[in-house]
Amino acid sequence: MFRSQSTPLTGTSASSSGVLLSPRYDCKSPRSLYHARTQKKKKSPLSTTCFILCVFVFCLVVVLHRMEVIFGRHPRARGMSAFSLLASGGERGDEEIEKASVSSFPSISSESFYWALVTADDIRVAFFNPVLKVIVGFTAFLSALVAADRAFHLYVAFYWKYLSRKDYLDRFKRPSGKRVPSYSMEEMQQSSHSSFLPPGAEYYSTIPNVVVQLPMFNETACCEDIINAACRMKWPREHFMVQVLDDSTELEAREIAQSAVHRWMSRGVNIQYVCRENRKGYKAGSMLDAMDLIENYDYVAVFDADFDPDSDFLFNTVPWLMENEDVGFVQTRWTFTNAKETVLTRVQEISLSYHMLCEQYARCSAGLFFNFNGTAGVWRRKCIVDAGGWNFRTTVEDMDLSLRAYLRGWKFIFLNDITCDNEIPAEYDAYRKQQHRWSCGPMQLWRKATKTILESNGVSLAKKVYLIVFFFGARMFAAHIVSFFLYCLLVPLCAISPEIPIPFWALVYTPVLVTMSTVVFTKEGWKTSVAFVLFENAMCVVKLSAMISGLFELSDAHEWVVTKKLGNMFSSSSSTSTTPKARRKIYFKELSMGSFFLFCGVYGILQHQLVHYSLFLIAQSLVFFAFGFNRVTF
């Protein structure tokens, strides 16, 4: 299934490697080529149908409403306690509605045409308005759930950071000043009285074996950098190994990785190069196949190719596992080297900083479940085996393994003070694919693991409710529903059909709370808060489509597209010189939403004089157009 190399790599050609390689950008194994021919990328039928249905409903509502306005049959919005754009002004609102009707049209004497208008009016009042009211009520409830989840995490993070007299890590046993030598035990014994030993230093008597795994796929721009960073890590060399898990199909990517492995192997570093003849299971499958090669290792550090860990990373993380036998993994905080590059990267920094500084910190502080982020952390190998090993039933193998370990009684540590640099996707294509995977995978896991969570005996009922309702329900499901149906469907429709009632708190207070509680964790995040709202709304189509695919296991639910890295954190010029210019892909869903928002904004200005309200809709339409034409890197 796979091939490992722990000896110098010589003669690494396509014929000797056991893997058939083709020229760059078209180098796939025969099995991959077969799957590419037989399993073309298919559109999700359910998500496409829902999108077309929403467009059809919108067009039908517009037609019916326009017929009423033209022929003077616009209904009065009576008894609305919720927000309504035209009916909130009492008699003045009624006068504006009457002015909106065009009275210059000739009277209609045809009885059949009259009854056709009455029927159209009745259909909208009898069927569409009740449906819209149900949607408003449902999305308003989910909006309150999302706001409650945000408020809870915000309070917990604030309490443990500023109000509590205890540190959130006090319930764990601290390393207590013990050190792990960066040299061998023989050298330490021979030089116990030499000057380079700090006076009074206390060392661990037993040094565990640590392996650093580097899963990668076609990481031409940054595979060499992460291999160099891993090999520079400080740990006793007789207890240390680097394992490069390369599933690359590009010849250039393999050659660069093999060259780096050969160079460090010649320097005496214990390093393995492992490649497979297929990509079964993708990243999870690669690490699962490599488990047999690390039976003698106690801890497993995992890094994606776009990360740049410090040389003392293991010294700062592994002792926490050594001192706490019931801890399954240690997760460190991500920091971002190219966050200020474009507006897109600044918006991503806001979301990821909130996830790290608020969600992960609050969950760890409160003793609740939080997941391994897939990289920049260290696992206890015994915990991986006890939880059932890596599993590729979903596209979020890290969250899946974390959940299974949590239900088995393992504890986790989030080290907020230990950071690891990484690169944020700077291109919209890569960002779009990443968000699709991150939105689809949790829904797959929610569907498959709910029964296991309910049947688990090692977790209290309150924590089960938190897992199912808030961790998955509010954060992974409700947030996408509210973002699309409330803010990207019902809010624009208010400019066309002002009688749609939306609770004012759901329209104003909730989004303000969510936005402010997110940007506050990013330095000068308030400067990008408007762009953050517009960009998050523009991503709702991708996230909702991915969520539906994962929830109903559609054809694209198990697609794994590796996020493209440019290596910007090491060299800003290398990416421009080595990355070929490709034709920009056009995304028609985003263009359709942009047209929808633009129409609603223009209609609101011309028909109802909703200038300020429509300006927001027009601004949102421009962002949708930028996403649709793939012109976001500015």
Foldseek 3Di string as FASTA:
>chain_A
DKDKDQDFDDPPDCVPRPAHFDAFPPFAGPVVVVCCVVPPDDAFPVLVVVLVVLVVLLVLVLVLLVVCQAQVNFDAQPDFPFAFDQNPPPVNSVVLSNVLRDPPDDDDPDPVVVVVNVVSVCCCVVPVQVVLQVLQVVLLVLLVLLLVLLVLLLVLLCCQVPPDPDHLCVVADDLVQEFADLEDPVVCVVCVPPDVDPPPHHYDPDFFAEEEEEEDEPQLQFQLVVLVLQQLAGHHQVRYEYEYQYAYRHPNSVVSNSVSSNVVVVVVHRYMYMYDNDQVLNPQVSVQVCLVVPPRGFKYAYAYRQWRAHNHLCRVFVSSCVRGVQAFKEAEQEDEQCCPQFLVSVLVCLQRLCCQSGVVSSCSSVQAQDWHPRHRMMGGSVLCVVLPHFDSQALCSRRLSSVSSVLVPGGYHYDHVRYIYGYDQLFLVLVLQVLLRVLQRLLLCLQVCLVVLVPRPNDDPVSNCCVNCPVCNSPRPSVLSSLPCPVLRVLLCSLSRSSSGRHPCSVPVSVVSVLVSRQVSPVVSVVSSVVSSLVVSLSSSSSVSSNVCNNVVGPCRSDDDHRHDQNCSVPVPNSVVPPDDDDFAFAVSLLVSLVSLLVSLVSSCVSSVPPVSSVSSNVSSVVSRCSRRRNRND
